[in-house]
Amino acid sequence: MPAITVSSIMSKNIYSLNENRTVADAARVMKETKTGSILVVNPQGVIVGVVTERDLVYKVLAEGRDAQTRLKDIMTRDIKTVKPSSTLAEAAKIMIEMEVRHIPVVDEAGRPVGILSIRDLIESIWGD
């Protein structure tokens, strides 16, 4: 039996902002889309980081930063990604090692095509 790939369960609803947008912009998008993370991309659309709810609390609120702080100044840069053809086991291993709840899925050029969440993994095991 072939391994299940990331593409079969990933969410294609991805939300991204340019690295020069503000944390206020990110918070607004998170609220409007009911998501906990925003992919940060450069002008070519390649992922350069991620901003999560936790980043907004720890790196903005807790440090007394302004809502106009640029995403590039608070984003998590050391992110791992997976390809649509990666197996769920490969993705889960990375998520455990990196202690993250979301992992971006990218094409060969590094542009986002989806996002895989811990919820997606659990639902693939236990069903909806």
N, C-alpha and C. Protein backbone atom coordinates (compact mmCIF):
# COMPACT_ATOMS: atom_id res chain seq x y z
N MET A 1 0.84 -1.17 0.00
CA MET A 1 0.00 0.00 0.00
C MET A 1 0.90 1.25 0.00
N PRO A 2 0.68 2.18 -0.95
CA PRO A 2 1.53 3.37 -1.01
C PRO A 2 1.29 4.30 0.18
N ALA A 3 2.32 5.02 0.55
CA ALA A 3 2.22 5.97 1.65
C ALA A 3 1.31 7.13 1.26
N ILE A 4 0.59 7.65 2.23
CA ILE A 4 -0.29 8.81 1.98
C ILE A 4 0.59 10.04 1.87
N THR A 5 0.33 10.87 0.88
CA THR A 5 1.14 12.07 0.67
C THR A 5 0.46 13.30 1.28
N VAL A 6 1.27 14.29 1.52
CA VAL A 6 0.81 15.56 2.07
C VAL A 6 -0.27 16.18 1.20
N SER A 7 -0.12 16.08 -0.13
CA SER A 7 -1.08 16.71 -1.03
C SER A 7 -2.50 16.19 -0.85
N SER A 8 -2.63 14.98 -0.33
CA SER A 8 -3.97 14.39 -0.19
C SER A 8 -4.76 14.96 0.98
N ILE A 9 -4.08 15.59 1.94
CA ILE A 9 -4.82 16.12 3.10
C ILE A 9 -4.51 17.58 3.42
N MET A 10 -3.54 18.18 2.76
CA MET A 10 -3.17 19.56 3.08
C MET A 10 -4.32 20.52 2.76
N SER A 11 -4.30 21.66 3.41
CA SER A 11 -5.26 22.71 3.10
C SER A 11 -4.68 23.56 1.99
N LYS A 12 -5.48 23.85 1.01
CA LYS A 12 -5.03 24.72 -0.08
C LYS A 12 -5.40 26.17 0.20
N ASN A 13 -6.10 26.39 1.32
CA ASN A 13 -6.42 27.76 1.75
C ASN A 13 -5.23 28.30 2.53
N ILE A 14 -4.35 28.97 1.82
CA ILE A 14 -3.16 29.52 2.45
C ILE A 14 -3.26 31.04 2.47
N TYR A 15 -2.74 31.61 3.52
CA TYR A 15 -2.78 33.05 3.68
C TYR A 15 -1.35 33.54 3.83
N SER A 16 -0.99 34.48 2.98
CA SER A 16 0.36 34.99 3.01
C SER A 16 0.36 36.51 2.88
N LEU A 17 1.40 37.10 3.40
CA LEU A 17 1.60 38.54 3.30
C LEU A 17 3.06 38.80 2.96
N ASN A 18 3.30 39.91 2.31
CA ASN A 18 4.66 40.35 2.00
C ASN A 18 5.39 40.67 3.30
N GLU A 19 6.68 40.44 3.31
CA GLU A 19 7.50 40.64 4.51
C GLU A 19 7.51 42.08 5.02
N ASN A 20 7.12 43.03 4.19
CA ASN A 20 7.09 44.43 4.60
C ASN A 20 5.75 44.87 5.17
N ARG A 21 4.77 43.98 5.20
CA ARG A 21 3.48 44.30 5.81
C ARG A 21 3.65 44.32 7.33
N THR A 22 2.65 44.79 8.03
CA THR A 22 2.77 44.97 9.48
C THR A 22 2.12 43.85 10.27
N VAL A 23 2.45 43.83 11.56
CA VAL A 23 1.83 42.84 12.43
C VAL A 23 0.34 43.11 12.56
N ALA A 24 -0.07 44.36 12.44
CA ALA A 24 -1.50 44.69 12.45
C ALA A 24 -2.19 44.03 11.26
N ASP A 25 -1.54 44.08 10.09
CA ASP A 25 -2.08 43.42 8.90
C ASP A 25 -2.23 41.92 9.14
N ALA A 26 -1.20 41.31 9.73
CA ALA A 26 -1.23 39.87 9.99
C ALA A 26 -2.34 39.51 10.96
N ALA A 27 -2.48 40.29 12.02
CA ALA A 27 -3.53 40.02 13.01
C ALA A 27 -4.92 40.14 12.38
N ARG A 28 -5.08 41.12 11.51
CA ARG A 28 -6.36 41.32 10.83
C ARG A 28 -6.70 40.13 9.94
N VAL A 29 -5.71 39.65 9.17
CA VAL A 29 -5.93 38.50 8.30
C VAL A 29 -6.23 37.25 9.12
N MET A 30 -5.50 37.06 10.21
CA MET A 30 -5.76 35.91 11.08
C MET A 30 -7.19 35.94 11.62
N LYS A 31 -7.63 37.10 12.04
CA LYS A 31 -8.99 37.23 12.56
C LYS A 31 -10.02 36.95 11.47
N GLU A 32 -9.84 37.57 10.30
CA GLU A 32 -10.81 37.43 9.21
C GLU A 32 -10.89 36.00 8.67
N THR A 33 -9.77 35.30 8.68
CA THR A 33 -9.72 33.96 8.09
C THR A 33 -9.77 32.85 9.14
N LYS A 34 -9.78 33.24 10.40
CA LYS A 34 -9.80 32.27 11.51
C LYS A 34 -8.65 31.28 11.40
N THR A 35 -7.46 31.82 11.16
CA THR A 35 -6.27 30.99 11.07
C THR A 35 -5.26 31.45 12.11
N GLY A 36 -4.35 30.56 12.47
CA GLY A 36 -3.37 30.87 13.49
C GLY A 36 -1.99 31.20 12.98
N SER A 37 -1.84 31.22 11.65
CA SER A 37 -0.52 31.53 11.10
C SER A 37 -0.64 32.16 9.72
N ILE A 38 0.35 32.97 9.41
CA ILE A 38 0.44 33.64 8.11
C ILE A 38 1.82 33.34 7.53
N LEU A 39 1.84 32.90 6.29
CA LEU A 39 3.12 32.71 5.62
C LEU A 39 3.63 34.07 5.17
N VAL A 40 4.91 34.31 5.34
CA VAL A 40 5.52 35.57 4.93
C VAL A 40 6.34 35.29 3.68
N VAL A 41 6.06 36.08 2.64
CA VAL A 41 6.71 35.85 1.35
C VAL A 41 7.47 37.09 0.89
N ASN A 42 8.46 36.86 0.05
CA ASN A 42 9.19 37.97 -0.55
C ASN A 42 8.45 38.42 -1.82
N PRO A 43 8.93 39.46 -2.49
CA PRO A 43 8.22 39.94 -3.69
C PRO A 43 8.06 38.89 -4.79
N GLN A 44 8.88 37.85 -4.80
CA GLN A 44 8.77 36.78 -5.79
C GLN A 44 7.78 35.71 -5.38
N GLY A 45 7.19 35.85 -4.19
CA GLY A 45 6.22 34.88 -3.71
C GLY A 45 6.82 33.68 -3.02
N VAL A 46 8.12 33.72 -2.74
CA VAL A 46 8.80 32.61 -2.07
C VAL A 46 8.70 32.81 -0.56
N ILE A 47 8.43 31.73 0.15
CA ILE A 47 8.31 31.82 1.60
C ILE A 47 9.66 32.16 2.23
N VAL A 48 9.64 33.20 3.08
CA VAL A 48 10.85 33.59 3.80
C VAL A 48 10.66 33.49 5.31
N GLY A 49 9.42 33.20 5.73
CA GLY A 49 9.15 33.07 7.15
C GLY A 49 7.70 32.77 7.42
N VAL A 50 7.38 32.73 8.70
CA VAL A 50 6.00 32.52 9.13
C VAL A 50 5.77 33.36 10.38
N VAL A 51 4.55 33.85 10.52
CA VAL A 51 4.15 34.56 11.74
C VAL A 51 2.94 33.83 12.30
N THR A 52 3.03 33.49 13.58
CA THR A 52 1.95 32.77 14.24
C THR A 52 1.33 33.64 15.33
N GLU A 53 0.20 33.17 15.86
CA GLU A 53 -0.41 33.86 17.00
C GLU A 53 0.60 33.98 18.14
N ARG A 54 1.36 32.94 18.35
CA ARG A 54 2.36 32.94 19.41
C ARG A 54 3.41 34.03 19.17
N ASP A 55 3.82 34.23 17.92
CA ASP A 55 4.77 35.30 17.61
C ASP A 55 4.19 36.67 17.96
N LEU A 56 2.90 36.86 17.67
CA LEU A 56 2.27 38.15 17.99
C LEU A 56 2.27 38.41 19.49
N VAL A 57 2.04 37.36 20.27
CA VAL A 57 2.03 37.52 21.73
C VAL A 57 3.45 37.70 22.27
N TYR A 58 4.35 36.80 21.91
CA TYR A 58 5.69 36.81 22.49
C TYR A 58 6.59 37.91 21.95
N LYS A 59 6.54 38.14 20.64
CA LYS A 59 7.49 39.06 20.01
C LYS A 59 6.95 40.47 19.81
N VAL A 60 5.66 40.65 19.95
CA VAL A 60 5.09 41.99 19.78
C VAL A 60 4.55 42.49 21.12
N LEU A 61 3.49 41.86 21.61
CA LEU A 61 2.87 42.33 22.86
C LEU A 61 3.82 42.27 24.05
N ALA A 62 4.44 41.13 24.26
CA ALA A 62 5.31 40.96 25.43
C ALA A 62 6.55 41.85 25.39
N GLU A 63 6.96 42.25 24.18
CA GLU A 63 8.14 43.12 24.05
C GLU A 63 7.76 44.59 23.85
N GLY A 64 6.47 44.89 23.92
CA GLY A 64 6.03 46.28 23.80
C GLY A 64 6.24 46.90 22.43
N ARG A 65 6.22 46.07 21.39
CA ARG A 65 6.39 46.60 20.03
C ARG A 65 5.10 47.21 19.52
N ASP A 66 5.25 48.05 18.54
CA ASP A 66 4.13 48.76 17.91
C ASP A 66 3.42 47.86 16.90
N ALA A 67 2.13 48.11 16.69
CA ALA A 67 1.35 47.34 15.71
C ALA A 67 1.83 47.56 14.28
N GLN A 68 2.63 48.59 14.06
CA GLN A 68 3.17 48.86 12.72
C GLN A 68 4.52 48.18 12.49
N THR A 69 4.94 47.35 13.42
CA THR A 69 6.18 46.58 13.26
C THR A 69 6.06 45.72 12.01
N ARG A 70 7.10 45.68 11.22
CA ARG A 70 7.11 44.90 9.97
C ARG A 70 7.23 43.41 10.29
N LEU A 71 6.57 42.61 9.48
CA LEU A 71 6.61 41.16 9.67
C LEU A 71 8.04 40.64 9.61
N LYS A 72 8.86 41.21 8.74
CA LYS A 72 10.24 40.73 8.61
C LYS A 72 11.03 40.90 9.90
N ASP A 73 10.55 41.78 10.79
CA ASP A 73 11.26 42.01 12.05
C ASP A 73 10.87 41.04 13.15
N ILE A 74 9.77 40.31 12.98
CA ILE A 74 9.34 39.39 14.05
C ILE A 74 9.08 37.96 13.56
N MET A 75 9.12 37.76 12.25
CA MET A 75 8.77 36.44 11.72
C MET A 75 9.80 35.39 12.14
N THR A 76 9.34 34.16 12.17
CA THR A 76 10.23 33.03 12.38
C THR A 76 10.84 32.69 11.03
N ARG A 77 12.16 32.76 10.96
CA ARG A 77 12.85 32.57 9.69
C ARG A 77 13.30 31.13 9.45
N ASP A 78 13.63 30.44 10.50
CA ASP A 78 14.17 29.08 10.36
C ASP A 78 13.00 28.10 10.27
N ILE A 79 12.36 28.09 9.10
CA ILE A 79 11.21 27.21 8.93
C ILE A 79 11.57 26.06 8.00
N LYS A 80 10.91 24.98 8.22
CA LYS A 80 11.04 23.82 7.33
C LYS A 80 9.79 23.77 6.48
N THR A 81 9.91 23.23 5.31
CA THR A 81 8.78 23.06 4.41
C THR A 81 8.77 21.62 3.92
N VAL A 82 7.66 21.23 3.34
CA VAL A 82 7.56 19.93 2.69
C VAL A 82 7.01 20.13 1.29
N LYS A 83 7.18 19.13 0.48
CA LYS A 83 6.64 19.12 -0.88
C LYS A 83 5.29 18.40 -0.86
N PRO A 84 4.44 18.64 -1.84
CA PRO A 84 3.17 17.92 -1.90
C PRO A 84 3.36 16.40 -1.95
N SER A 85 4.48 15.96 -2.49
CA SER A 85 4.75 14.53 -2.61
C SER A 85 5.35 13.90 -1.36
N SER A 86 5.66 14.73 -0.35
CA SER A 86 6.20 14.19 0.91
C SER A 86 5.15 13.31 1.56
N THR A 87 5.60 12.33 2.31
CA THR A 87 4.65 11.47 3.02
C THR A 87 4.21 12.14 4.32
N LEU A 88 3.07 11.68 4.84
CA LEU A 88 2.59 12.22 6.11
C LEU A 88 3.60 11.93 7.23
N ALA A 89 4.24 10.77 7.17
CA ALA A 89 5.23 10.42 8.18
C ALA A 89 6.41 11.40 8.15
N GLU A 90 6.86 11.76 6.95
CA GLU A 90 7.96 12.73 6.83
C GLU A 90 7.56 14.08 7.40
N ALA A 91 6.36 14.53 7.06
CA ALA A 91 5.88 15.82 7.54
C ALA A 91 5.72 15.81 9.06
N ALA A 92 5.13 14.74 9.60
CA ALA A 92 4.92 14.64 11.04
C ALA A 92 6.25 14.66 11.79
N LYS A 93 7.24 13.98 11.25
CA LYS A 93 8.57 13.95 11.88
C LYS A 93 9.16 15.36 11.98
N ILE A 94 9.05 16.12 10.90
CA ILE A 94 9.56 17.50 10.90
C ILE A 94 8.79 18.35 11.91
N MET A 95 7.47 18.18 11.93
CA MET A 95 6.65 18.98 12.85
C MET A 95 7.02 18.68 14.30
N ILE A 96 7.26 17.43 14.61
CA ILE A 96 7.66 17.06 15.97
C ILE A 96 9.03 17.64 16.30
N GLU A 97 9.99 17.47 15.38
CA GLU A 97 11.34 17.97 15.62
C GLU A 97 11.38 19.49 15.78
N MET A 98 10.58 20.20 14.98
CA MET A 98 10.58 21.66 15.00
C MET A 98 9.60 22.23 16.04
N GLU A 99 8.80 21.34 16.65
CA GLU A 99 7.80 21.75 17.64
C GLU A 99 6.85 22.80 17.07
N VAL A 100 6.28 22.48 15.88
CA VAL A 100 5.34 23.38 15.21
C VAL A 100 4.03 22.66 14.95
N ARG A 101 2.98 23.44 14.81
CA ARG A 101 1.65 22.88 14.55
C ARG A 101 1.23 23.02 13.09
N HIS A 102 2.02 23.78 12.31
CA HIS A 102 1.73 23.98 10.89
C HIS A 102 3.04 23.88 10.12
N ILE A 103 2.95 23.33 8.91
CA ILE A 103 4.14 23.29 8.06
C ILE A 103 3.72 23.66 6.64
N PRO A 104 4.43 24.63 6.05
CA PRO A 104 4.09 25.03 4.69
C PRO A 104 4.44 23.94 3.68
N VAL A 105 3.60 23.86 2.66
CA VAL A 105 3.82 22.94 1.55
C VAL A 105 4.17 23.82 0.35
N VAL A 106 5.32 23.54 -0.27
CA VAL A 106 5.82 24.41 -1.34
C VAL A 106 6.08 23.64 -2.63
N ASP A 107 6.04 24.39 -3.74
CA ASP A 107 6.39 23.80 -5.03
C ASP A 107 7.91 23.82 -5.19
N GLU A 108 8.39 23.41 -6.34
CA GLU A 108 9.83 23.33 -6.58
C GLU A 108 10.54 24.68 -6.49
N ALA A 109 9.80 25.77 -6.73
CA ALA A 109 10.38 27.12 -6.67
C ALA A 109 10.31 27.73 -5.27
N GLY A 110 9.73 26.98 -4.33
CA GLY A 110 9.62 27.49 -2.97
C GLY A 110 8.38 28.33 -2.71
N ARG A 111 7.45 28.35 -3.66
CA ARG A 111 6.21 29.11 -3.49
C ARG A 111 5.18 28.23 -2.79
N PRO A 112 4.40 28.82 -1.88
CA PRO A 112 3.42 28.03 -1.14
C PRO A 112 2.28 27.52 -2.01
N VAL A 113 1.95 26.25 -1.81
CA VAL A 113 0.81 25.63 -2.51
C VAL A 113 -0.20 25.07 -1.52
N GLY A 114 0.18 25.06 -0.24
CA GLY A 114 -0.72 24.55 0.79
C GLY A 114 -0.08 24.66 2.15
N ILE A 115 -0.83 24.21 3.13
CA ILE A 115 -0.30 24.16 4.49
C ILE A 115 -0.87 22.91 5.16
N LEU A 116 -0.03 22.26 5.93
CA LEU A 116 -0.44 21.05 6.64
C LEU A 116 -0.44 21.36 8.12
N SER A 117 -1.55 21.07 8.79
CA SER A 117 -1.64 21.33 10.22
C SER A 117 -1.69 20.03 10.99
N ILE A 118 -1.43 20.14 12.26
CA ILE A 118 -1.53 18.97 13.13
C ILE A 118 -2.96 18.45 13.11
N ARG A 119 -3.92 19.36 12.98
CA ARG A 119 -5.33 18.95 12.89
C ARG A 119 -5.55 18.10 11.64
N ASP A 120 -4.95 18.50 10.51
CA ASP A 120 -5.08 17.71 9.28
C ASP A 120 -4.57 16.29 9.50
N LEU A 121 -3.43 16.18 10.18
CA LEU A 121 -2.85 14.86 10.44
C LEU A 121 -3.76 14.02 11.32
N ILE A 122 -4.27 14.61 12.37
CA ILE A 122 -5.15 13.87 13.28
C ILE A 122 -6.42 13.44 12.57
N GLU A 123 -7.02 14.35 11.80
CA GLU A 123 -8.24 14.00 11.09
C GLU A 123 -8.00 12.91 10.05
N SER A 124 -6.79 12.86 9.48
CA SER A 124 -6.50 11.80 8.50
C SER A 124 -6.44 10.44 9.17
N ILE A 125 -6.13 10.41 10.46
CA ILE A 125 -6.07 9.17 11.20
C ILE A 125 -7.45 8.78 11.76
N TRP A 126 -8.10 9.74 12.38
CA TRP A 126 -9.35 9.48 13.09
C TRP A 126 -10.59 9.80 12.28
N GLY A 127 -10.45 10.46 11.16
CA GLY A 127 -11.61 10.85 10.37
C GLY A 127 -12.16 12.18 10.81
N ASP A 128 -13.11 12.71 10.04
CA ASP A 128 -13.65 14.05 10.33
C ASP A 128 -14.50 14.06 11.56
